[in-house]
């Protein structure tokens, strides 16, 4: 491919979702590399951390908090349940519902991976800037909280 073709490929996109997904993939690479010694991906650690903070959320609560549909949530939970980090239990208040619980093994891997996760946080903040990282998180949280309605 010639230089003009490469420039066209590397040109900045005006598409918000493309820019966001490219940035997300790059950032995931940093965190995934840091968490690899623990056998976790950044998405998996995020689920474990949220379950730990939420203290046994329902499937619906967890899906809403992670902005995932139920199918995607189930797909992401399977390896964590298989590896013994999470368990799915019947909701005592509603037998039709399910709650996600962090197991002792899940708490151990979450704690064991904390320093490497923190190192990835610091690496990104050093590369991007601490203030800019905080502003980015704030903007992304606002986007995640937006209710998107179809027109």
N, C-alpha and C. Protein backbone atom coordinates (compact mmCIF):
# COMPACT_ATOMS: atom_id res chain seq x y z
N UNK A 1 0.85 -1.16 0.00
CA UNK A 1 0.00 0.00 0.00
C UNK A 1 0.90 1.23 0.00
N UNK A 2 0.57 2.20 -0.82
CA UNK A 2 1.35 3.42 -0.92
C UNK A 2 1.10 4.36 0.25
N UNK A 3 1.90 5.41 0.30
CA UNK A 3 1.82 6.38 1.40
C UNK A 3 0.45 7.04 1.46
N UNK A 4 -0.12 7.37 0.33
CA UNK A 4 -1.44 8.01 0.32
C UNK A 4 -2.50 7.09 0.90
N UNK A 5 -2.43 5.79 0.60
CA UNK A 5 -3.38 4.82 1.14
C UNK A 5 -3.25 4.70 2.65
N UNK A 6 -2.01 4.70 3.14
CA UNK A 6 -1.79 4.64 4.59
C UNK A 6 -2.32 5.90 5.27
N UNK A 7 -2.09 7.06 4.67
CA UNK A 7 -2.58 8.31 5.25
C UNK A 7 -4.11 8.29 5.33
N UNK A 8 -4.74 7.75 4.30
CA UNK A 8 -6.20 7.68 4.29
C UNK A 8 -6.70 6.78 5.43
N UNK A 9 -6.02 5.66 5.65
CA UNK A 9 -6.41 4.73 6.71
C UNK A 9 -6.21 5.37 8.08
N UNK A 10 -5.12 6.10 8.26
CA UNK A 10 -4.79 6.70 9.55
C UNK A 10 -5.48 8.05 9.77
N UNK A 11 -6.24 8.53 8.81
CA UNK A 11 -6.92 9.82 8.94
C UNK A 11 -7.88 9.77 10.12
N UNK A 12 -8.03 10.92 10.76
CA UNK A 12 -8.94 11.01 11.90
C UNK A 12 -10.37 10.81 11.43
N UNK A 13 -11.10 10.08 12.22
CA UNK A 13 -12.50 9.83 11.93
C UNK A 13 -13.34 10.90 12.60
N UNK A 14 -14.43 11.25 11.98
CA UNK A 14 -15.38 12.18 12.58
C UNK A 14 -16.50 11.41 13.28
N UNK A 15 -16.37 10.10 13.30
CA UNK A 15 -17.39 9.24 13.91
C UNK A 15 -17.06 9.05 15.39
N UNK A 16 -17.97 9.46 16.26
CA UNK A 16 -17.74 9.34 17.70
C UNK A 16 -17.55 7.91 18.15
N UNK A 17 -18.38 7.01 17.65
CA UNK A 17 -18.30 5.62 18.10
C UNK A 17 -17.00 4.96 17.63
N UNK A 18 -16.53 5.30 16.45
CA UNK A 18 -15.27 4.74 15.96
C UNK A 18 -14.11 5.22 16.82
N UNK A 19 -14.07 6.50 17.11
CA UNK A 19 -13.00 7.06 17.94
C UNK A 19 -13.04 6.45 19.34
N UNK A 20 -14.23 6.30 19.90
CA UNK A 20 -14.36 5.74 21.24
C UNK A 20 -13.93 4.28 21.27
N UNK A 21 -14.33 3.51 20.28
CA UNK A 21 -13.97 2.08 20.26
C UNK A 21 -12.47 1.89 20.03
N UNK A 22 -11.87 2.72 19.20
CA UNK A 22 -10.42 2.62 19.00
C UNK A 22 -9.69 2.92 20.31
N UNK A 23 -10.11 3.97 20.99
CA UNK A 23 -9.49 4.33 22.27
C UNK A 23 -9.72 3.24 23.30
N UNK A 24 -10.92 2.68 23.31
CA UNK A 24 -11.25 1.62 24.25
C UNK A 24 -10.38 0.39 24.02
N UNK A 25 -10.18 0.03 22.77
CA UNK A 25 -9.33 -1.12 22.47
C UNK A 25 -7.89 -0.87 22.91
N UNK A 26 -7.39 0.34 22.67
CA UNK A 26 -6.01 0.67 23.07
C UNK A 26 -5.88 0.62 24.59
N UNK A 27 -6.82 1.19 25.30
CA UNK A 27 -6.78 1.20 26.76
C UNK A 27 -6.92 -0.22 27.31
N UNK A 28 -7.78 -1.02 26.70
CA UNK A 28 -7.94 -2.42 27.11
C UNK A 28 -6.63 -3.17 26.97
N UNK A 29 -5.86 -2.87 25.95
CA UNK A 29 -4.57 -3.53 25.76
C UNK A 29 -3.64 -3.27 26.95
N UNK A 30 -3.65 -2.04 27.46
CA UNK A 30 -2.80 -1.69 28.60
C UNK A 30 -3.23 -2.49 29.84
N UNK A 31 -4.52 -2.48 30.12
CA UNK A 31 -5.02 -3.17 31.31
C UNK A 31 -4.93 -4.69 31.15
N UNK A 32 -5.26 -5.20 29.98
CA UNK A 32 -5.19 -6.65 29.77
C UNK A 32 -3.77 -7.17 29.95
N UNK A 33 -2.79 -6.42 29.47
CA UNK A 33 -1.39 -6.82 29.63
C UNK A 33 -1.01 -6.85 31.12
N UNK A 34 -1.48 -5.86 31.86
CA UNK A 34 -1.17 -5.80 33.28
C UNK A 34 -1.84 -6.94 34.06
N UNK A 35 -3.02 -7.34 33.64
CA UNK A 35 -3.78 -8.37 34.35
C UNK A 35 -3.50 -9.78 33.86
N UNK A 36 -2.78 -9.93 32.76
CA UNK A 36 -2.50 -11.24 32.18
C UNK A 36 -1.87 -12.22 33.17
N UNK A 37 -0.95 -11.80 34.04
CA UNK A 37 -0.37 -12.76 34.98
C UNK A 37 -1.41 -13.40 35.92
N UNK A 38 -2.57 -12.76 36.05
CA UNK A 38 -3.63 -13.27 36.92
C UNK A 38 -4.67 -14.07 36.13
N UNK A 39 -4.49 -14.15 34.81
CA UNK A 39 -5.44 -14.87 33.99
C UNK A 39 -6.75 -14.13 33.80
N UNK A 40 -6.73 -12.82 34.00
CA UNK A 40 -7.94 -12.01 33.86
C UNK A 40 -7.80 -11.01 32.73
N UNK A 41 -8.93 -10.67 32.15
CA UNK A 41 -9.01 -9.56 31.21
C UNK A 41 -9.62 -8.39 31.97
N UNK A 42 -9.42 -7.21 31.46
CA UNK A 42 -9.92 -6.02 32.14
C UNK A 42 -11.44 -6.06 32.33
N UNK A 43 -12.14 -6.59 31.34
CA UNK A 43 -13.60 -6.68 31.45
C UNK A 43 -14.01 -7.62 32.58
N UNK A 44 -13.26 -8.70 32.75
CA UNK A 44 -13.57 -9.65 33.81
C UNK A 44 -13.30 -9.05 35.18
N UNK A 45 -12.18 -8.34 35.32
CA UNK A 45 -11.87 -7.73 36.61
C UNK A 45 -12.90 -6.66 36.94
N UNK A 46 -13.37 -5.93 35.94
CA UNK A 46 -14.39 -4.90 36.17
C UNK A 46 -15.67 -5.53 36.71
N UNK A 47 -16.04 -6.68 36.19
CA UNK A 47 -17.23 -7.37 36.68
C UNK A 47 -17.02 -7.82 38.12
N UNK A 48 -15.88 -8.42 38.41
CA UNK A 48 -15.59 -8.85 39.78
C UNK A 48 -15.62 -7.66 40.75
N UNK A 49 -15.01 -6.56 40.34
CA UNK A 49 -14.97 -5.37 41.21
C UNK A 49 -16.37 -4.82 41.44
N UNK A 50 -17.19 -4.82 40.40
CA UNK A 50 -18.55 -4.30 40.57
C UNK A 50 -19.38 -5.21 41.48
N UNK A 51 -19.26 -6.50 41.30
CA UNK A 51 -20.00 -7.43 42.16
C UNK A 51 -19.55 -7.25 43.61
N UNK A 52 -18.26 -7.07 43.83
CA UNK A 52 -17.74 -6.86 45.19
C UNK A 52 -18.32 -5.58 45.79
N UNK A 53 -18.36 -4.50 45.01
CA UNK A 53 -18.89 -3.22 45.51
C UNK A 53 -20.39 -3.29 45.74
N UNK A 54 -21.10 -3.96 44.84
CA UNK A 54 -22.57 -3.99 44.90
C UNK A 54 -23.09 -5.03 45.89
N UNK A 55 -22.23 -5.93 46.32
CA UNK A 55 -22.61 -6.95 47.29
C UNK A 55 -23.81 -7.78 46.83
N UNK A 56 -23.54 -8.66 45.90
CA UNK A 56 -24.54 -9.61 45.41
C UNK A 56 -25.69 -8.96 44.64
N UNK A 57 -25.37 -8.29 43.54
CA UNK A 57 -26.43 -7.66 42.74
C UNK A 57 -27.27 -8.71 41.99
N UNK A 58 -28.47 -8.30 41.62
CA UNK A 58 -29.28 -9.16 40.75
C UNK A 58 -28.69 -9.11 39.34
N UNK A 59 -29.11 -10.03 38.51
CA UNK A 59 -28.66 -10.02 37.11
C UNK A 59 -29.04 -8.69 36.46
N UNK A 60 -30.26 -8.23 36.71
CA UNK A 60 -30.72 -6.97 36.12
C UNK A 60 -29.92 -5.78 36.61
N UNK A 61 -29.61 -5.75 37.90
CA UNK A 61 -28.82 -4.65 38.45
C UNK A 61 -27.42 -4.64 37.86
N UNK A 62 -26.83 -5.81 37.75
CA UNK A 62 -25.48 -5.90 37.20
C UNK A 62 -25.47 -5.52 35.72
N UNK A 63 -26.43 -5.99 34.97
CA UNK A 63 -26.52 -5.64 33.55
C UNK A 63 -26.67 -4.13 33.38
N UNK A 64 -27.53 -3.52 34.18
CA UNK A 64 -27.74 -2.07 34.09
C UNK A 64 -26.48 -1.30 34.47
N UNK A 65 -25.82 -1.72 35.53
CA UNK A 65 -24.62 -1.03 35.99
C UNK A 65 -23.49 -1.10 34.97
N UNK A 66 -23.40 -2.22 34.26
CA UNK A 66 -22.34 -2.41 33.27
C UNK A 66 -22.77 -1.99 31.87
N UNK A 67 -24.00 -1.55 31.73
CA UNK A 67 -24.58 -1.15 30.45
C UNK A 67 -24.44 -2.29 29.43
N UNK A 68 -24.92 -3.47 29.86
CA UNK A 68 -24.90 -4.66 29.03
C UNK A 68 -26.31 -5.24 28.95
N UNK A 69 -26.62 -5.88 27.82
CA UNK A 69 -27.89 -6.61 27.79
C UNK A 69 -27.66 -7.96 28.47
N UNK A 70 -28.75 -8.64 28.78
CA UNK A 70 -28.65 -9.89 29.54
C UNK A 70 -27.82 -10.95 28.82
N UNK A 71 -27.94 -11.03 27.50
CA UNK A 71 -27.19 -12.02 26.73
C UNK A 71 -25.69 -11.76 26.85
N UNK A 72 -25.28 -10.52 26.69
CA UNK A 72 -23.86 -10.16 26.80
C UNK A 72 -23.37 -10.40 28.23
N UNK A 73 -24.21 -10.07 29.21
CA UNK A 73 -23.82 -10.31 30.60
C UNK A 73 -23.59 -11.80 30.85
N UNK A 74 -24.52 -12.63 30.41
CA UNK A 74 -24.36 -14.08 30.59
C UNK A 74 -23.09 -14.58 29.94
N UNK A 75 -22.80 -14.08 28.75
CA UNK A 75 -21.59 -14.47 28.03
C UNK A 75 -20.34 -14.12 28.84
N UNK A 76 -20.34 -12.93 29.45
CA UNK A 76 -19.19 -12.48 30.24
C UNK A 76 -19.09 -13.18 31.60
N UNK A 77 -20.22 -13.62 32.14
CA UNK A 77 -20.21 -14.28 33.44
C UNK A 77 -19.72 -15.73 33.36
N UNK A 78 -19.98 -16.40 32.25
CA UNK A 78 -19.67 -17.84 32.14
C UNK A 78 -18.25 -18.21 32.55
N UNK A 79 -17.21 -17.56 32.01
CA UNK A 79 -15.87 -17.97 32.43
C UNK A 79 -15.57 -17.65 33.90
N UNK A 80 -16.19 -16.60 34.43
CA UNK A 80 -15.96 -16.24 35.83
C UNK A 80 -16.63 -17.24 36.77
N UNK A 81 -17.78 -17.74 36.36
CA UNK A 81 -18.46 -18.79 37.13
C UNK A 81 -17.70 -20.10 36.98
N UNK A 82 -17.31 -20.43 35.75
CA UNK A 82 -16.55 -21.66 35.49
C UNK A 82 -15.27 -21.72 36.31
N UNK A 83 -14.58 -20.58 36.42
CA UNK A 83 -13.31 -20.54 37.14
C UNK A 83 -13.49 -20.39 38.65
N UNK A 84 -14.74 -20.33 39.10
CA UNK A 84 -15.01 -20.29 40.54
C UNK A 84 -14.88 -18.93 41.19
N UNK A 85 -14.87 -17.86 40.39
CA UNK A 85 -14.75 -16.51 40.93
C UNK A 85 -16.10 -15.92 41.33
N UNK A 86 -17.14 -16.35 40.64
CA UNK A 86 -18.50 -15.90 40.91
C UNK A 86 -19.41 -17.11 41.00
N UNK A 87 -20.53 -16.93 41.68
CA UNK A 87 -21.57 -17.95 41.62
C UNK A 87 -22.89 -17.25 41.42
N UNK A 88 -23.79 -17.95 40.75
CA UNK A 88 -25.13 -17.44 40.50
C UNK A 88 -26.04 -18.17 41.47
N UNK A 89 -26.77 -17.39 42.27
CA UNK A 89 -27.64 -17.96 43.29
C UNK A 89 -29.07 -17.48 43.08
N UNK A 90 -30.02 -18.28 43.52
CA UNK A 90 -31.43 -17.89 43.46
C UNK A 90 -31.64 -16.72 44.41
N UNK A 91 -32.36 -15.72 43.95
CA UNK A 91 -32.68 -14.54 44.76
C UNK A 91 -33.67 -14.96 45.84
N UNK A 92 -33.33 -14.75 47.09
CA UNK A 92 -34.20 -15.15 48.20
C UNK A 92 -35.53 -14.40 48.19
N UNK A 93 -35.53 -13.18 47.64
CA UNK A 93 -36.75 -12.37 47.61
C UNK A 93 -37.65 -12.71 46.43
N UNK A 94 -37.06 -13.30 45.38
CA UNK A 94 -37.82 -13.63 44.17
C UNK A 94 -37.18 -14.87 43.55
N UNK A 95 -37.80 -16.01 43.73
CA UNK A 95 -37.22 -17.28 43.27
C UNK A 95 -36.98 -17.32 41.77
N UNK A 96 -37.63 -16.43 41.02
CA UNK A 96 -37.39 -16.38 39.57
C UNK A 96 -36.11 -15.63 39.24
N UNK A 97 -35.64 -14.80 40.17
CA UNK A 97 -34.47 -13.96 39.94
C UNK A 97 -33.18 -14.64 40.35
N UNK A 98 -32.09 -14.10 39.88
CA UNK A 98 -30.77 -14.62 40.20
C UNK A 98 -29.90 -13.48 40.71
N UNK A 99 -29.05 -13.80 41.67
CA UNK A 99 -28.07 -12.86 42.21
C UNK A 99 -26.68 -13.37 41.89
N UNK A 100 -25.78 -12.43 41.68
CA UNK A 100 -24.39 -12.78 41.38
C UNK A 100 -23.59 -12.54 42.66
N UNK A 101 -22.85 -13.57 43.07
CA UNK A 101 -22.08 -13.48 44.30
C UNK A 101 -20.61 -13.72 44.02
N UNK A 102 -19.78 -12.94 44.69
CA UNK A 102 -18.34 -13.11 44.62
C UNK A 102 -17.95 -14.23 45.58
N UNK A 103 -17.21 -15.20 45.08
CA UNK A 103 -16.76 -16.31 45.93
C UNK A 103 -15.47 -15.90 46.65
N UNK A 104 -15.03 -16.72 47.57
CA UNK A 104 -13.75 -16.47 48.24
C UNK A 104 -12.62 -16.43 47.21
N UNK A 105 -12.70 -17.35 46.27
CA UNK A 105 -11.68 -17.38 45.21
C UNK A 105 -11.73 -16.10 44.37
N UNK A 106 -12.94 -15.60 44.11
CA UNK A 106 -13.10 -14.35 43.36
C UNK A 106 -12.51 -13.17 44.11
N UNK A 107 -12.75 -13.13 45.43
CA UNK A 107 -12.19 -12.06 46.25
C UNK A 107 -10.66 -12.14 46.26
N UNK A 108 -10.12 -13.36 46.29
CA UNK A 108 -8.67 -13.55 46.28
C UNK A 108 -8.06 -13.03 44.99
N UNK A 109 -8.66 -13.38 43.84
CA UNK A 109 -8.08 -12.93 42.56
C UNK A 109 -8.24 -11.43 42.39
N UNK A 110 -9.34 -10.89 42.90
CA UNK A 110 -9.55 -9.44 42.84
C UNK A 110 -8.47 -8.74 43.66
N UNK A 111 -8.22 -9.23 44.86
CA UNK A 111 -7.18 -8.64 45.71
C UNK A 111 -5.79 -8.84 45.12
N UNK A 112 -5.53 -10.04 44.61
CA UNK A 112 -4.21 -10.35 44.04
C UNK A 112 -3.91 -9.50 42.81
N UNK A 113 -4.93 -9.13 42.05
CA UNK A 113 -4.74 -8.36 40.82
C UNK A 113 -4.75 -6.85 41.05
N UNK A 114 -5.04 -6.43 42.28
CA UNK A 114 -5.21 -5.00 42.55
C UNK A 114 -3.96 -4.18 42.20
N UNK A 115 -2.79 -4.63 42.63
CA UNK A 115 -1.58 -3.84 42.38
C UNK A 115 -1.29 -3.71 40.90
N UNK A 116 -1.52 -4.78 40.12
CA UNK A 116 -1.28 -4.70 38.69
C UNK A 116 -2.32 -3.83 38.00
N UNK A 117 -3.56 -3.88 38.47
CA UNK A 117 -4.60 -2.98 37.95
C UNK A 117 -4.22 -1.53 38.26
N UNK A 118 -3.77 -1.29 39.49
CA UNK A 118 -3.36 0.05 39.90
C UNK A 118 -2.19 0.54 39.04
N UNK A 119 -1.26 -0.35 38.72
CA UNK A 119 -0.12 0.01 37.87
C UNK A 119 -0.61 0.44 36.48
N UNK A 120 -1.61 -0.26 35.95
CA UNK A 120 -2.18 0.11 34.64
C UNK A 120 -2.85 1.48 34.73
N UNK A 121 -3.55 1.73 35.83
CA UNK A 121 -4.17 3.04 36.05
C UNK A 121 -3.11 4.13 36.01
N UNK A 122 -2.05 3.93 36.76
CA UNK A 122 -0.98 4.93 36.85
C UNK A 122 -0.28 5.11 35.50
N UNK A 123 -0.07 4.00 34.81
CA UNK A 123 0.58 4.09 33.49
C UNK A 123 -0.24 4.94 32.54
N UNK A 124 -1.55 4.70 32.52
CA UNK A 124 -2.40 5.50 31.64
C UNK A 124 -2.38 6.97 32.06
N UNK A 125 -2.49 7.23 33.36
CA UNK A 125 -2.51 8.61 33.84
C UNK A 125 -1.19 9.31 33.56
N UNK A 126 -0.08 8.59 33.61
CA UNK A 126 1.21 9.19 33.27
C UNK A 126 1.28 9.51 31.78
N UNK A 127 0.73 8.62 30.95
CA UNK A 127 0.76 8.82 29.51
C UNK A 127 -0.21 9.93 29.08
N UNK A 128 -1.38 9.96 29.69
CA UNK A 128 -2.46 10.84 29.25
C UNK A 128 -2.57 12.11 30.09
N UNK A 129 -2.12 12.03 31.32
CA UNK A 129 -2.23 13.15 32.24
C UNK A 129 -3.31 12.87 33.28
N UNK A 130 -2.97 13.09 34.54
CA UNK A 130 -3.90 12.77 35.62
C UNK A 130 -5.20 13.57 35.52
N UNK A 131 -5.07 14.86 35.26
CA UNK A 131 -6.26 15.72 35.15
C UNK A 131 -7.09 15.32 33.94
N UNK A 132 -6.43 15.08 32.83
CA UNK A 132 -7.16 14.68 31.62
C UNK A 132 -7.84 13.33 31.82
N UNK A 133 -7.19 12.41 32.52
CA UNK A 133 -7.79 11.10 32.79
C UNK A 133 -9.05 11.26 33.64
N UNK A 134 -8.98 12.12 34.64
CA UNK A 134 -10.16 12.36 35.49
C UNK A 134 -11.29 12.98 34.68
N UNK A 135 -10.96 13.93 33.81
CA UNK A 135 -11.98 14.55 32.95
C UNK A 135 -12.56 13.53 31.98
N UNK A 136 -11.71 12.66 31.45
CA UNK A 136 -12.17 11.62 30.54
C UNK A 136 -13.14 10.68 31.24
N UNK A 137 -12.77 10.21 32.44
CA UNK A 137 -13.67 9.33 33.20
C UNK A 137 -15.01 10.00 33.44
N UNK A 138 -14.98 11.26 33.80
CA UNK A 138 -16.22 12.00 34.06
C UNK A 138 -17.08 12.08 32.81
N UNK A 139 -16.46 12.39 31.68
CA UNK A 139 -17.20 12.48 30.43
C UNK A 139 -17.76 11.11 30.03
N UNK A 140 -16.97 10.07 30.18
CA UNK A 140 -17.43 8.73 29.80
C UNK A 140 -18.54 8.24 30.72
N UNK A 141 -18.44 8.56 32.01
CA UNK A 141 -19.51 8.20 32.94
C UNK A 141 -20.81 8.91 32.57
N UNK A 142 -20.70 10.16 32.15
CA UNK A 142 -21.89 10.91 31.72
C UNK A 142 -22.51 10.27 30.48
N UNK A 143 -21.67 9.85 29.55
CA UNK A 143 -22.18 9.18 28.35
C UNK A 143 -22.85 7.87 28.73
N UNK A 144 -22.21 7.09 29.60
CA UNK A 144 -22.76 5.80 30.00
C UNK A 144 -24.10 5.97 30.72
N UNK A 145 -24.28 7.08 31.41
CA UNK A 145 -25.51 7.32 32.17
C UNK A 145 -26.65 7.86 31.29
N UNK A 146 -26.32 8.30 30.09
CA UNK A 146 -27.35 8.88 29.20
C UNK A 146 -28.36 7.82 28.79
N UNK A 147 -29.59 8.22 28.77
CA UNK A 147 -30.63 7.34 28.23
C UNK A 147 -30.71 7.62 26.73
N UNK A 148 -30.42 6.61 25.97
CA UNK A 148 -30.46 6.75 24.51
C UNK A 148 -31.79 6.21 24.01
N UNK A 149 -32.54 7.05 23.39
CA UNK A 149 -33.84 6.64 22.85
C UNK A 149 -33.76 6.63 21.33
N UNK A 150 -34.36 5.61 20.77
CA UNK A 150 -34.40 5.51 19.31
C UNK A 150 -35.32 6.57 18.76
N UNK A 151 -34.98 7.08 17.63
CA UNK A 151 -35.84 8.07 16.97
C UNK A 151 -36.58 7.42 15.86
